[in-house]
Structure formats: structure tokens, C-alpha cells
Amino acid sequence: MHKDSLGPDGKRVYTLKKVTEDGRVTKSAHPARFSPDDKYSRHRVTLKKRYGLLLTQQVDKEAAKL
């Protein structure tokens, strides 16, 4: 995983190390996949309801076999 820290000139320095030479801990260079402040979840749920893609709208495969 790529890590980054700020160099002496204030620019990002990318590395694969967890700790820099001067002892500072690096952080992940990639953003988190999930944000608790999800602004668009309401819209995704609305679209899934509209097109029947919610799990509650799916046909149960085992019940369909009976």
C-alpha cells in the first residue's frame, strides 16, 4: 500500500514505509471507501426501489424452487 507524508518543503512524499527516516508515522495515500457522511444514500435507495433492485424486492431463490 502506498503511504505519504509531508516532506521538508511541504510537498507530499510517497513511500512504502510505515515510518519515515525522521520517525514520523506515514498515512495511507488513498481515501477511505466509506464515508459516514454519505450525502447520496437517499438517492441510491430511491433508484433501487424504482427499479426493483432492493434485496427485499428480490425473489427468494429457495422459495421459487418449491
N, C-alpha and C. Protein backbone atom coordinates (compact mmCIF):
# COMPACT_ATOMS: atom_id res chain seq x y z
N MET A 1 0.84 -1.17 0.00
CA MET A 1 0.00 0.00 0.00
C MET A 1 0.89 1.23 0.00
N HIS A 2 0.53 2.20 -0.80
CA HIS A 2 1.30 3.43 -0.85
C HIS A 2 0.98 4.31 0.35
N LYS A 3 2.00 4.91 0.91
CA LYS A 3 1.85 5.79 2.06
C LYS A 3 2.39 7.16 1.66
N ASP A 4 1.96 8.20 2.37
CA ASP A 4 2.52 9.51 2.10
C ASP A 4 2.71 10.28 3.39
N SER A 5 3.61 11.24 3.33
CA SER A 5 3.86 12.15 4.44
C SER A 5 4.33 13.46 3.82
N LEU A 6 4.38 14.50 4.62
CA LEU A 6 4.84 15.78 4.12
C LEU A 6 6.35 15.86 4.25
N GLY A 7 7.00 16.28 3.17
CA GLY A 7 8.44 16.46 3.18
C GLY A 7 8.83 17.79 3.80
N PRO A 8 10.12 18.09 3.85
CA PRO A 8 10.59 19.34 4.45
C PRO A 8 10.10 20.59 3.71
N ASP A 9 9.81 20.44 2.42
CA ASP A 9 9.34 21.59 1.64
C ASP A 9 7.81 21.69 1.63
N GLY A 10 7.10 20.82 2.36
CA GLY A 10 5.65 20.88 2.46
C GLY A 10 4.92 20.09 1.40
N LYS A 11 5.63 19.45 0.49
CA LYS A 11 5.00 18.64 -0.55
C LYS A 11 4.89 17.19 -0.08
N ARG A 12 3.95 16.47 -0.68
CA ARG A 12 3.76 15.07 -0.33
C ARG A 12 4.93 14.23 -0.83
N VAL A 13 5.36 13.31 0.01
CA VAL A 13 6.40 12.36 -0.35
C VAL A 13 5.78 10.98 -0.23
N TYR A 14 5.77 10.22 -1.32
CA TYR A 14 5.16 8.89 -1.33
C TYR A 14 6.22 7.84 -1.03
N THR A 15 5.84 6.84 -0.23
CA THR A 15 6.76 5.78 0.16
C THR A 15 5.97 4.51 0.44
N LEU A 16 6.66 3.42 0.64
CA LEU A 16 6.03 2.16 1.05
C LEU A 16 6.28 1.87 2.53
N LYS A 17 7.06 2.74 3.19
CA LYS A 17 7.42 2.54 4.59
C LYS A 17 6.31 3.03 5.51
N LYS A 18 6.22 2.43 6.71
CA LYS A 18 5.24 2.85 7.70
C LYS A 18 5.73 4.02 8.53
N VAL A 19 7.06 4.15 8.65
CA VAL A 19 7.67 5.23 9.43
C VAL A 19 8.77 5.85 8.58
N THR A 20 8.83 7.19 8.55
CA THR A 20 9.87 7.87 7.77
C THR A 20 11.21 7.80 8.51
N GLU A 21 12.27 8.26 7.86
CA GLU A 21 13.61 8.21 8.45
C GLU A 21 13.70 9.06 9.71
N ASP A 22 12.94 10.15 9.77
CA ASP A 22 12.99 11.02 10.96
C ASP A 22 11.99 10.60 12.03
N GLY A 23 11.34 9.43 11.88
CA GLY A 23 10.49 8.87 12.92
C GLY A 23 9.02 9.23 12.85
N ARG A 24 8.60 9.95 11.82
CA ARG A 24 7.18 10.30 11.70
C ARG A 24 6.42 9.15 11.05
N VAL A 25 5.22 8.91 11.54
CA VAL A 25 4.37 7.84 11.01
C VAL A 25 3.71 8.34 9.73
N THR A 26 3.71 7.50 8.68
CA THR A 26 3.08 7.87 7.42
C THR A 26 1.61 7.50 7.47
N LYS A 27 0.83 8.05 6.56
CA LYS A 27 -0.59 7.73 6.48
C LYS A 27 -0.89 7.18 5.09
N SER A 28 -2.04 6.55 4.96
CA SER A 28 -2.43 5.98 3.68
C SER A 28 -2.62 7.08 2.65
N ALA A 29 -2.17 6.84 1.43
CA ALA A 29 -2.29 7.83 0.36
C ALA A 29 -3.64 7.75 -0.32
N HIS A 30 -4.47 6.78 0.06
CA HIS A 30 -5.77 6.59 -0.58
C HIS A 30 -6.89 6.97 0.39
N PRO A 31 -7.97 7.55 -0.11
CA PRO A 31 -9.09 7.89 0.77
C PRO A 31 -9.85 6.64 1.21
N ALA A 32 -10.61 6.78 2.26
CA ALA A 32 -11.42 5.67 2.75
C ALA A 32 -12.52 5.36 1.75
N ARG A 33 -12.96 4.10 1.69
CA ARG A 33 -14.02 3.71 0.76
C ARG A 33 -15.39 4.16 1.23
N PHE A 34 -15.58 4.22 2.51
CA PHE A 34 -16.89 4.56 3.05
C PHE A 34 -16.79 5.83 3.87
N SER A 35 -17.74 6.70 3.70
CA SER A 35 -17.81 7.91 4.49
C SER A 35 -19.11 7.90 5.28
N PRO A 36 -19.04 8.12 6.59
CA PRO A 36 -20.28 8.17 7.36
C PRO A 36 -21.17 9.34 6.95
N ASP A 37 -20.58 10.34 6.33
CA ASP A 37 -21.34 11.49 5.84
C ASP A 37 -21.69 11.24 4.37
N ASP A 38 -22.56 10.24 4.14
CA ASP A 38 -22.93 9.85 2.79
C ASP A 38 -24.11 10.70 2.33
N LYS A 39 -23.83 11.64 1.46
CA LYS A 39 -24.84 12.61 1.02
C LYS A 39 -25.84 12.02 0.03
N TYR A 40 -25.49 10.94 -0.63
CA TYR A 40 -26.30 10.45 -1.75
C TYR A 40 -26.98 9.12 -1.47
N SER A 41 -26.96 8.62 -0.24
CA SER A 41 -27.56 7.31 0.03
C SER A 41 -29.07 7.33 -0.23
N ARG A 42 -29.73 8.43 0.09
CA ARG A 42 -31.18 8.53 -0.13
C ARG A 42 -31.50 8.37 -1.61
N HIS A 43 -30.68 8.95 -2.47
CA HIS A 43 -30.92 8.86 -3.91
C HIS A 43 -30.68 7.45 -4.44
N ARG A 44 -29.64 6.78 -3.91
CA ARG A 44 -29.37 5.40 -4.34
C ARG A 44 -30.51 4.47 -3.95
N VAL A 45 -31.02 4.63 -2.73
CA VAL A 45 -32.12 3.78 -2.28
C VAL A 45 -33.37 4.04 -3.11
N THR A 46 -33.64 5.31 -3.42
CA THR A 46 -34.81 5.65 -4.25
C THR A 46 -34.71 4.99 -5.62
N LEU A 47 -33.54 5.05 -6.24
CA LEU A 47 -33.37 4.42 -7.55
C LEU A 47 -33.51 2.90 -7.48
N LYS A 48 -32.95 2.30 -6.43
CA LYS A 48 -33.07 0.85 -6.29
C LYS A 48 -34.52 0.44 -6.09
N LYS A 49 -35.28 1.22 -5.33
CA LYS A 49 -36.71 0.93 -5.16
C LYS A 49 -37.43 1.03 -6.48
N ARG A 50 -37.12 2.06 -7.24
CA ARG A 50 -37.80 2.30 -8.52
C ARG A 50 -37.59 1.15 -9.49
N TYR A 51 -36.38 0.60 -9.52
CA TYR A 51 -36.07 -0.44 -10.49
C TYR A 51 -36.10 -1.85 -9.90
N GLY A 52 -36.59 -1.98 -8.66
CA GLY A 52 -36.76 -3.30 -8.06
C GLY A 52 -35.46 -4.01 -7.72
N LEU A 53 -34.45 -3.27 -7.30
CA LEU A 53 -33.15 -3.87 -7.03
C LEU A 53 -32.85 -4.05 -5.54
N LEU A 54 -33.76 -3.63 -4.67
CA LEU A 54 -33.54 -3.83 -3.25
C LEU A 54 -33.64 -5.31 -2.92
N LEU A 55 -32.90 -5.75 -1.89
CA LEU A 55 -32.94 -7.17 -1.52
C LEU A 55 -34.33 -7.60 -1.10
N THR A 56 -35.10 -6.69 -0.52
CA THR A 56 -36.47 -7.04 -0.12
C THR A 56 -37.39 -7.21 -1.32
N GLN A 57 -36.99 -6.74 -2.48
CA GLN A 57 -37.80 -6.86 -3.69
C GLN A 57 -37.36 -8.04 -4.56
N GLN A 58 -36.28 -8.71 -4.16
CA GLN A 58 -35.75 -9.83 -4.93
C GLN A 58 -36.59 -11.08 -4.66
N VAL A 59 -36.67 -11.94 -5.62
CA VAL A 59 -37.38 -13.21 -5.46
C VAL A 59 -36.45 -14.17 -4.71
N ASP A 60 -36.98 -14.80 -3.68
CA ASP A 60 -36.21 -15.76 -2.91
C ASP A 60 -36.02 -17.01 -3.77
N LYS A 61 -34.77 -17.36 -4.06
CA LYS A 61 -34.48 -18.47 -4.97
C LYS A 61 -34.95 -19.81 -4.40
N GLU A 62 -34.80 -20.01 -3.09
CA GLU A 62 -35.23 -21.28 -2.50
C GLU A 62 -36.74 -21.40 -2.47
N ALA A 63 -37.43 -20.30 -2.23
CA ALA A 63 -38.90 -20.33 -2.23
C ALA A 63 -39.43 -20.54 -3.64
N ALA A 64 -38.72 -20.05 -4.64
CA ALA A 64 -39.15 -20.20 -6.02
C ALA A 64 -39.02 -21.67 -6.48
N LYS A 65 -38.10 -22.43 -5.86
CA LYS A 65 -37.92 -23.83 -6.23
C LYS A 65 -39.10 -24.69 -5.78
N LEU A 66 -39.76 -24.29 -4.69
CA LEU A 66 -40.86 -25.10 -4.13
C LEU A 66 -42.09 -25.06 -4.94
